[in-house]
């Protein structure tokens, strides 16, 4: 099915202006609706969507101040926060342009207009609006798939307390944050939480997996390009920094950024400025950057694969996310969350774990962290034949490797039991001693002996 033409709502009190714009845009493949008054424009926007609004600021109330158009712009934003609006006036001034932007306009055109400039602005705003709509649709789909409260952080273990305290302190600021941790430990989840608790939450969180970008397309993906910048550049393209303007840009796997491109990224982080590929026009954006990596970033710097000055811009605040194996009974809490989610998704009447299954979950080392836990529970929900998940449903190999399957000494068994009890109680020696049936002093003596 061919894509529908972009629809432009045009508002102006002069019939010849409306007709000229309609003919110009028709020749460029746009569908148009024209309105001689702001009230009819507002009614149409409430009834059906437009890809962009092109509206005059001066109507019958007076001819120079732009107040009627500014009032209409404010009314549009009261019920429609997303449709791009480009304003026009024959009495252009910097002050009027600033006020229009303050009330929610995306760009400003002076009459008499330049056709190339007007068409360029409309192309960019249509592309930007459509890209933002796709982003919002994906975010809504993700929320639907994960269920209500899908971004609630389960983090009651002692190992996660520093993470929670840092999120609480840094989220309301504009500070850049570097999140490090093993693959699958939940770095993207932390980025979403920071954005959701920030003043930028009404704007988009744009995620880029740096590791999936080929070096040849990195510049175009991040900064956009103009038509004709290279052989396949058939149209202008909006980059990820423009998409995230006013919001947050999450750069996952940041250590994989190509070395030649690190200087360009550093410049944007320093002053918010960049040029689209093939353009000499400098653009300004207001973007907060969150980055994540599972790499040894200091080792990458020592090897000459990552710029130290770029790291300093990215890690104004550093959050180290502990692996799942260090999070005690968060393992069980997360497993129960995933059980409820996947059981609902697959409409399975699976409601709990057996005690041996919970024990297996605690003993397993979880090399794939939270991501692996979710996959294991999803598979178990699908395979379970009753209302409970047992060890066999989990298919976890918690036994030692074949080469190590020899009798354990009593000392080794005792050490393993102590470690497991401490993990289950988040390092609480009193609770672990109670579970193990020994006094606190006896447990301390064993800990000292084992150098734990």
Protein backbone atom coordinates (compact mmCIF):
# COMPACT_ATOMS: atom_id res chain seq x y z
CA UNK A 1 0.00 0.00 0.00
CA UNK A 2 1.51 3.37 -0.99
CA UNK A 3 2.24 5.78 1.83
CA UNK A 4 -0.33 8.54 2.24
CA UNK A 5 0.83 12.07 1.35
CA UNK A 6 1.72 14.29 4.32
CA UNK A 7 -1.22 16.54 5.31
CA UNK A 8 -0.66 20.24 5.97
CA UNK A 9 -3.26 22.48 7.63
CA UNK A 10 -2.82 26.05 6.33
CA UNK A 11 -4.42 29.00 8.15
CA UNK A 12 -4.41 32.58 6.77
CA UNK A 13 -7.05 35.28 6.38
CA UNK A 14 -5.95 36.11 2.82
CA UNK A 15 -7.49 33.96 0.09
CA UNK A 16 -4.65 34.50 -2.38
CA UNK A 17 -2.09 33.36 0.22
CA UNK A 18 -4.07 30.21 0.92
CA UNK A 19 -4.39 29.44 -2.78
CA UNK A 20 -0.70 30.08 -3.49
CA UNK A 21 0.40 27.79 -0.67
CA UNK A 22 -2.12 25.12 -1.66
CA UNK A 23 -0.83 25.03 -5.26
CA UNK A 24 2.81 25.08 -4.16
CA UNK A 25 2.36 22.19 -1.73
CA UNK A 26 0.17 20.20 -4.12
CA UNK A 27 3.02 20.24 -6.61
CA UNK A 28 5.32 18.85 -3.92
CA UNK A 29 3.01 15.93 -3.09
CA UNK A 30 1.31 17.33 0.02
CA UNK A 31 -2.37 17.09 0.86
CA UNK A 32 -3.72 20.38 2.24
CA UNK A 33 -6.67 21.79 4.15
CA UNK A 34 -7.06 25.58 4.21
CA UNK A 35 -8.69 27.73 6.90
CA UNK A 36 -9.39 31.49 6.76
CA UNK A 37 -9.87 31.77 10.54
CA UNK A 38 -8.19 30.33 13.61
CA UNK A 39 -11.43 28.95 15.09
CA UNK A 40 -12.00 26.70 12.07
CA UNK A 41 -8.37 25.56 12.26
CA UNK A 42 -8.78 24.65 15.93
CA UNK A 43 -11.98 22.73 15.20
CA UNK A 44 -10.30 20.75 12.43
CA UNK A 45 -7.31 19.84 14.62
CA UNK A 46 -9.63 18.53 17.29
CA UNK A 47 -11.44 16.39 14.72
CA UNK A 48 -8.61 14.91 12.64
CA UNK A 49 -4.80 14.77 12.59
CA UNK A 50 -2.38 16.83 10.53
CA UNK A 51 1.31 16.19 9.91
CA UNK A 52 2.13 19.88 10.25
CA UNK A 53 0.29 23.19 10.73
CA UNK A 54 1.37 26.27 8.73
CA UNK A 55 -0.40 29.29 10.22
CA UNK A 56 -0.32 33.07 9.92
CA UNK A 57 0.08 35.11 13.10
CA UNK A 58 -1.82 38.24 11.97
CA UNK A 59 -5.59 38.16 11.40
CA UNK A 60 -8.45 40.63 11.68
CA UNK A 61 -7.89 41.75 15.27
CA UNK A 62 -4.89 43.82 14.18
CA UNK A 63 -2.19 43.51 11.58
CA UNK A 64 1.15 43.80 13.34
CA UNK A 65 1.26 42.30 16.82
CA UNK A 66 0.58 38.66 15.98
CA UNK A 67 -1.52 38.30 19.12
CA UNK A 68 -4.42 36.46 17.48
CA UNK A 69 -2.09 33.88 16.02
CA UNK A 70 -0.16 33.55 19.29
CA UNK A 71 -3.41 33.00 21.16
CA UNK A 72 -4.42 30.30 18.67
CA UNK A 73 -1.01 28.67 19.06
CA UNK A 74 -1.44 28.50 22.83
CA UNK A 75 -4.90 26.98 22.38
CA UNK A 76 -3.52 24.33 20.01
CA UNK A 77 -0.90 23.34 22.56
CA UNK A 78 -3.55 23.09 25.27
CA UNK A 79 -5.02 19.99 23.59
CA UNK A 80 -2.34 18.93 21.08
CA UNK A 81 1.24 18.86 22.31
CA UNK A 82 2.78 17.02 19.38
CA UNK A 83 1.67 18.29 15.94
CA UNK A 84 4.46 20.51 14.54
CA UNK A 85 3.41 24.15 14.01
CA UNK A 86 5.23 26.57 11.70
CA UNK A 87 4.13 30.21 12.03
CA UNK A 88 4.19 32.97 9.38
CA UNK A 89 3.97 36.75 9.53
CA UNK A 90 4.65 39.69 7.26
CA UNK A 91 5.82 41.66 10.26
CA UNK A 92 8.63 39.43 11.40
CA UNK A 93 10.77 40.28 14.38
CA UNK A 94 13.09 38.38 16.68
CA UNK A 95 10.82 39.13 19.64
CA UNK A 96 7.74 37.74 17.89
CA UNK A 97 9.66 34.64 16.78
CA UNK A 98 10.88 34.00 20.32
CA UNK A 99 7.35 34.38 21.71
CA UNK A 100 5.96 32.00 19.08
CA UNK A 101 8.61 29.42 20.00
CA UNK A 102 7.83 29.91 23.69
CA UNK A 103 4.17 29.10 23.05
CA UNK A 104 5.03 25.92 21.18
CA UNK A 105 5.91 26.69 17.52
CA UNK A 106 8.66 24.61 15.92
CA UNK A 107 9.79 27.13 13.29
CA UNK A 108 9.15 30.62 11.89
CA UNK A 109 8.68 31.87 8.30
CA UNK A 110 8.56 35.52 7.22
CA UNK A 111 6.35 36.77 4.35
CA UNK A 112 6.99 37.00 1.49
CA UNK A 113 8.35 33.51 1.86
CA UNK A 114 11.12 31.81 -0.03
CA UNK A 115 9.72 28.63 -1.59
CA UNK A 116 12.86 26.56 -1.05
CA UNK A 117 13.15 27.65 2.57
CA UNK A 118 9.46 27.00 3.26
CA UNK A 119 9.53 23.55 1.64
CA UNK A 120 12.71 22.63 3.51
CA UNK A 121 11.15 23.61 6.84
CA UNK A 122 7.98 21.64 6.12
CA UNK A 123 9.92 18.53 5.04
CA UNK A 124 11.98 18.63 8.22
CA UNK A 125 8.96 19.15 10.49
CA UNK A 126 6.92 16.40 8.83
CA UNK A 127 9.85 13.97 9.13
CA UNK A 128 10.49 14.95 12.73
CA UNK A 129 6.82 14.66 13.68
CA UNK A 130 6.45 11.25 12.04
CA UNK A 131 9.62 9.97 13.69
CA UNK A 132 8.44 11.15 17.11
CA UNK A 133 5.07 9.51 16.56
CA UNK A 134 6.81 6.23 15.72
CA UNK A 135 8.89 6.54 18.89
CA UNK A 136 5.79 7.17 21.02
CA UNK A 137 3.98 4.23 19.38
CA UNK A 138 6.90 1.91 20.16
CA UNK A 139 7.05 3.17 23.75
CA UNK A 140 3.29 2.57 24.13
CA UNK A 141 3.63 -0.91 22.62
CA UNK A 142 6.49 -1.69 24.99
CA UNK A 143 4.41 -0.56 27.99
CA UNK A 144 1.54 -2.78 26.80
CA UNK A 145 3.79 -5.80 26.40
CA UNK A 146 5.51 -5.37 29.76
CA UNK A 147 2.29 -4.60 31.59
CA UNK A 148 1.36 -1.80 33.95
CA UNK A 149 4.18 -0.82 36.27
CA UNK A 150 6.71 -2.51 34.00
CA UNK A 151 9.34 0.08 34.85
CA UNK A 152 9.01 -0.29 38.64
CA UNK A 153 12.45 -1.14 39.96
CA UNK A 154 12.71 -4.18 42.21
CA UNK A 155 15.77 -3.39 44.30
CA UNK A 156 15.51 -4.24 47.97
CA UNK A 157 18.97 -5.77 48.35
CA UNK A 158 21.83 -3.96 50.06
CA UNK A 159 23.83 -4.07 46.83
CA UNK A 160 21.22 -1.91 45.08
CA UNK A 161 20.95 0.82 47.74
CA UNK A 162 23.74 3.00 46.26
CA UNK A 163 22.04 2.74 42.86
CA UNK A 164 18.69 3.89 44.25
CA UNK A 165 20.27 6.76 46.16
CA UNK A 166 22.14 7.95 43.07
CA UNK A 167 19.03 7.78 40.87
CA UNK A 168 17.08 9.82 43.42
CA UNK A 169 19.80 12.48 43.52
CA UNK A 170 20.66 12.74 39.84
CA UNK A 171 17.34 12.16 38.03
CA UNK A 172 15.94 15.69 38.63
CA UNK A 173 19.11 17.26 37.18
CA UNK A 174 20.46 17.54 33.63
CA UNK A 175 23.73 15.77 34.49
CA UNK A 176 25.02 13.20 32.02
CA UNK A 177 25.13 9.70 33.51
CA UNK A 178 27.28 6.68 32.65
CA UNK A 179 25.77 3.34 33.65
CA UNK A 180 28.13 0.37 33.77
CA UNK A 181 27.44 -3.27 34.49
CA UNK A 182 27.43 -6.73 33.01
CA UNK A 183 25.34 -7.55 29.97
CA UNK A 184 21.70 -8.09 30.89
CA UNK A 185 21.96 -6.44 34.31
CA UNK A 186 19.33 -3.80 33.52
CA UNK A 187 21.24 -0.72 32.38
CA UNK A 188 18.48 0.27 29.95
CA UNK A 189 15.92 -0.03 32.76
CA UNK A 190 17.95 2.38 34.91
CA UNK A 191 18.13 4.84 32.00
CA UNK A 192 14.34 4.74 31.60
CA UNK A 193 13.84 5.34 35.31
CA UNK A 194 16.18 8.35 35.29
CA UNK A 195 14.32 9.85 32.32
CA UNK A 196 10.90 9.15 33.86
CA UNK A 197 11.91 10.95 37.07
CA UNK A 198 13.43 13.93 35.26
CA UNK A 199 11.91 17.26 34.14
CA UNK A 200 12.32 15.96 30.56
CA UNK A 201 9.83 13.10 31.02
CA UNK A 202 7.20 14.82 28.82
CA UNK A 203 9.66 14.64 25.92
CA UNK A 204 11.05 11.56 24.20
CA UNK A 205 13.62 9.11 25.45
CA UNK A 206 15.47 8.15 22.26
CA UNK A 207 17.56 4.95 22.50
CA UNK A 208 20.48 4.17 20.21
CA UNK A 209 22.33 0.85 20.31
CA UNK A 210 25.77 2.02 19.23
CA UNK A 211 26.90 -1.56 18.76
CA UNK A 212 24.33 -2.12 16.02
CA UNK A 213 25.38 0.91 13.95
CA UNK A 214 27.84 0.37 11.14
CA UNK A 215 30.60 2.97 11.04
CA UNK A 216 29.54 4.03 7.54
CA UNK A 217 26.06 5.10 8.71
CA UNK A 218 26.95 6.37 12.19
CA UNK A 219 27.13 10.05 11.24
CA UNK A 220 23.84 9.98 9.31
CA UNK A 221 22.02 8.09 12.07
CA UNK A 222 23.20 10.35 14.87
CA UNK A 223 23.22 13.76 13.18
CA UNK A 224 20.97 13.30 10.14
CA UNK A 225 21.70 14.20 6.53
CA UNK A 226 20.38 16.47 3.81
CA UNK A 227 19.08 15.38 0.44
CA UNK A 228 21.97 14.58 -1.91
CA UNK A 229 24.57 14.21 0.84
CA UNK A 230 25.45 10.80 -0.60
CA UNK A 231 24.18 8.48 -3.33
CA UNK A 232 21.17 7.06 -1.47
CA UNK A 233 20.20 10.28 0.30
CA UNK A 234 16.89 10.81 -1.52
CA UNK A 235 15.43 13.05 1.21
CA UNK A 236 16.45 14.97 4.28
CA UNK A 237 16.81 12.74 7.34
CA UNK A 238 16.38 13.67 10.98
CA UNK A 239 19.15 12.34 13.26
CA UNK A 240 18.81 10.94 16.75
CA UNK A 241 20.03 14.14 18.42
CA UNK A 242 17.24 16.13 16.75
CA UNK A 243 14.69 13.49 17.72
CA UNK A 244 15.79 13.78 21.34
CA UNK A 245 15.76 17.61 21.41
CA UNK A 246 14.24 18.67 24.72
CA UNK A 247 14.39 15.08 25.98
CA UNK A 248 16.94 12.35 26.70
CA UNK A 249 19.28 10.39 24.42
CA UNK A 250 20.33 6.96 25.71
CA UNK A 251 23.51 5.66 24.05
CA UNK A 252 23.78 1.95 24.78
CA UNK A 253 27.09 0.10 24.26
CA UNK A 254 28.89 3.45 24.12
CA UNK A 255 32.32 1.78 24.08
CA UNK A 256 31.59 0.62 20.51
CA UNK A 257 31.46 4.14 19.06
CA UNK A 258 33.96 4.43 16.17
CA UNK A 259 37.09 6.33 17.20
CA UNK A 260 36.86 8.81 14.25
CA UNK A 261 33.32 9.77 15.36
CA UNK A 262 34.13 10.34 19.02
CA UNK A 263 35.28 13.92 18.39
CA UNK A 264 31.90 14.82 16.83
CA UNK A 265 30.04 13.34 19.76
CA UNK A 266 32.30 15.23 22.15
CA UNK A 267 31.45 18.51 20.42
CA UNK A 268 27.69 17.96 20.78
CA UNK A 269 28.13 17.12 24.45
CA UNK A 270 30.15 20.31 24.99
CA UNK A 271 27.98 22.89 23.23
CA UNK A 272 24.90 21.11 21.82
CA UNK A 273 25.89 21.97 18.24
CA UNK A 274 26.29 19.83 15.12
CA UNK A 275 25.73 19.84 11.36
CA UNK A 276 23.74 17.33 9.37
CA UNK A 277 25.81 15.29 6.96
CA UNK A 278 26.14 17.31 3.75
CA UNK A 279 25.06 20.60 5.36
CA UNK A 280 27.04 23.59 6.58
CA UNK A 281 24.16 24.87 8.72
CA UNK A 282 24.92 24.50 12.43
CA UNK A 283 22.02 23.28 14.54
CA UNK A 284 21.53 23.62 18.28
CA UNK A 285 19.84 20.99 20.45
CA UNK A 286 19.06 20.63 24.14
CA UNK A 287 19.64 16.97 24.96
CA UNK A 288 20.53 15.09 28.13
CA UNK A 289 22.77 12.10 27.44
CA UNK A 290 22.69 8.82 29.33
CA UNK A 291 25.23 6.19 28.27
CA UNK A 292 25.84 2.57 29.16
CA UNK A 293 28.51 -0.04 28.60
CA UNK A 294 29.52 -3.49 29.82
CA UNK A 295 33.10 -2.91 28.71
CA UNK A 296 36.12 -2.02 30.81
CA UNK A 297 36.09 1.61 29.73
CA UNK A 298 39.40 2.44 31.45
CA UNK A 299 40.98 -0.45 29.57
CA UNK A 300 39.53 0.87 26.30
CA UNK A 301 41.09 4.28 27.00
CA UNK A 302 44.46 2.69 27.80
CA UNK A 303 44.29 0.77 24.52
CA UNK A 304 43.58 3.97 22.57
CA UNK A 305 40.06 2.85 21.61
CA UNK A 306 38.18 5.47 23.62
CA UNK A 307 38.89 9.14 24.29
CA UNK A 308 39.43 10.09 27.90
CA UNK A 309 37.91 13.55 27.39
CA UNK A 310 34.75 11.94 25.99
CA UNK A 311 34.48 9.73 29.08
CA UNK A 312 34.71 12.81 31.31
CA UNK A 313 31.75 14.34 29.48
CA UNK A 314 29.71 11.14 29.74
CA UNK A 315 30.35 10.19 33.36
CA UNK A 316 29.49 13.35 35.24
CA UNK A 317 27.70 10.76 37.38
CA UNK A 318 28.70 7.09 37.31
CA UNK A 319 26.26 4.34 38.31
CA UNK A 320 27.69 0.84 38.71
CA UNK A 321 24.90 -1.71 38.42
CA UNK A 322 25.73 -4.89 40.38
CA UNK A 323 25.27 -8.29 38.70
CA UNK A 324 22.21 -10.30 39.68
CA UNK A 325 24.24 -12.84 41.64
CA UNK A 326 25.18 -10.07 44.13
CA UNK A 327 21.57 -9.02 44.76
CA UNK A 328 20.43 -11.65 47.26
CA UNK A 329 16.68 -12.21 47.37
CA UNK A 330 16.08 -9.65 44.62
CA UNK A 331 16.48 -12.79 42.48
CA UNK A 332 13.32 -14.26 43.97
CA UNK A 333 11.44 -10.95 43.89
CA UNK A 334 12.28 -10.48 40.21
CA UNK A 335 11.38 -14.09 39.42
CA UNK A 336 7.96 -13.58 40.99
CA UNK A 337 7.45 -10.39 38.94
CA UNK A 338 8.41 -12.19 35.73
CA UNK A 339 6.16 -15.13 36.64
CA UNK A 340 3.12 -12.86 36.97
CA UNK A 341 3.96 -10.99 33.77
CA UNK A 342 4.57 -14.03 31.57
CA UNK A 343 1.64 -15.98 32.99
CA UNK A 344 -0.65 -13.10 32.09
CA UNK A 345 0.90 -12.72 28.66
CA UNK A 346 0.49 -16.40 27.76
CA UNK A 347 -2.78 -16.83 29.69
CA UNK A 348 -1.32 -19.64 31.80
CA UNK A 349 -2.60 -20.47 35.28
CA UNK A 350 0.88 -20.60 36.83
CA UNK A 351 0.99 -18.76 40.14
CA UNK A 352 3.98 -19.79 42.26
CA UNK A 353 7.31 -21.61 42.62
CA UNK A 354 7.99 -24.71 44.67
CA UNK A 355 10.59 -24.35 47.44
CA UNK A 356 13.14 -26.50 45.53
CA UNK A 357 12.64 -24.19 42.51
CA UNK A 358 13.31 -21.12 44.68
CA UNK A 359 16.42 -22.79 46.02
CA UNK A 360 17.62 -23.47 42.48
CA UNK A 361 17.03 -19.84 41.53
CA UNK A 362 19.15 -18.70 44.50
CA UNK A 363 22.01 -21.15 43.78
CA UNK A 364 22.36 -20.38 40.07
CA UNK A 365 25.08 -17.84 39.15
CA UNK A 366 23.03 -15.99 36.48
CA UNK A 367 25.77 -15.12 33.97
CA UNK A 368 23.11 -13.44 31.80
CA UNK A 369 21.74 -11.49 34.77
CA UNK A 370 18.18 -10.09 34.80
CA UNK A 371 17.69 -10.68 31.07
CA UNK A 372 18.52 -14.37 31.50
CA UNK A 373 16.22 -14.63 34.53
CA UNK A 374 13.30 -13.25 32.52
CA UNK A 375 13.94 -15.71 29.69
CA UNK A 376 14.23 -18.65 32.11
CA UNK A 377 10.93 -17.77 33.82
CA UNK A 378 9.21 -17.22 30.45
CA UNK A 379 10.27 -20.68 29.30
CA UNK A 380 9.24 -22.21 32.63
CA UNK A 381 5.76 -20.66 32.40
CA UNK A 382 5.34 -22.16 28.94
CA UNK A 383 6.60 -25.59 30.04
CA UNK A 384 4.86 -25.84 33.43
CA UNK A 385 2.04 -28.41 33.55
CA UNK A 386 0.43 -27.20 36.75
CA UNK A 387 0.02 -24.11 38.87
CA UNK A 388 3.55 -24.38 40.29
CA UNK A 389 6.97 -24.13 38.69
CA UNK A 390 9.39 -26.79 39.84
CA UNK A 391 13.19 -27.16 39.36
CA UNK A 392 12.73 -29.27 36.22
CA UNK A 393 10.70 -26.48 34.60
CA UNK A 394 13.58 -24.04 35.14
CA UNK A 395 16.17 -26.26 33.37
CA UNK A 396 18.99 -24.64 35.36
CA UNK A 397 22.34 -26.38 35.63
CA UNK A 398 23.18 -25.63 39.25
CA UNK A 399 25.46 -28.64 39.60
CA UNK A 400 29.26 -28.20 39.31
CA UNK A 401 30.96 -29.05 36.01
CA UNK A 402 31.82 -32.74 35.40
CA UNK A 403 35.51 -32.22 36.12
CA UNK A 404 34.64 -30.78 39.54
CA UNK A 405 32.10 -33.41 40.59
CA UNK A 406 34.11 -34.89 43.43
CA UNK A 407 33.16 -35.13 47.10
CA UNK A 408 33.21 -31.76 48.87
CA UNK A 409 34.91 -31.38 52.24
CA UNK A 410 32.82 -30.46 55.27
CA UNK A 411 34.65 -27.12 55.36
CA UNK A 412 33.69 -26.37 51.74
CA UNK A 413 30.07 -27.35 52.37
CA UNK A 414 29.96 -25.09 55.44
CA UNK A 415 31.45 -22.17 53.49
CA UNK A 416 28.91 -22.60 50.67
CA UNK A 417 26.05 -22.70 53.19
CA UNK A 418 27.32 -19.54 54.89
CA UNK A 419 27.72 -17.68 51.60
CA UNK A 420 24.22 -18.70 50.49
CA UNK A 421 22.65 -17.61 53.80
CA UNK A 422 24.41 -14.24 53.70
CA UNK A 423 23.25 -13.75 50.13
CA UNK A 424 19.64 -14.56 50.99
CA UNK A 425 19.71 -12.03 53.84
CA UNK A 426 21.63 -9.27 52.00
CA UNK A 427 24.67 -9.61 54.26
CA UNK A 428 22.70 -9.46 57.53
CA UNK A 429 24.88 -11.55 59.86
CA UNK A 430 22.23 -11.85 62.60
CA UNK A 431 19.58 -13.19 60.21
CA UNK A 432 22.08 -15.54 58.51
CA UNK A 433 23.22 -16.91 61.90
CA UNK A 434 19.60 -17.55 62.90
CA UNK A 435 18.96 -19.46 59.68
CA UNK A 436 22.15 -21.51 60.09
CA UNK A 437 21.37 -22.31 63.74
CA UNK A 438 24.54 -20.78 65.19
CA UNK A 439 25.34 -17.78 67.34
CA UNK A 440 26.41 -14.50 65.82
CA UNK A 441 29.87 -14.81 67.40
CA UNK A 442 30.29 -18.30 65.97
CA UNK A 443 29.40 -17.04 62.51
CA UNK A 444 31.83 -14.13 62.84
CA UNK A 445 34.63 -16.58 63.77
CA UNK A 446 33.90 -18.64 60.64
CA UNK A 447 33.76 -15.52 58.47
CA UNK A 448 37.14 -14.44 59.79
CA UNK A 449 38.60 -17.88 59.21
CA UNK A 450 37.22 -17.98 55.66
CA UNK A 451 38.40 -14.41 55.07
CA UNK A 452 34.89 -13.43 53.96
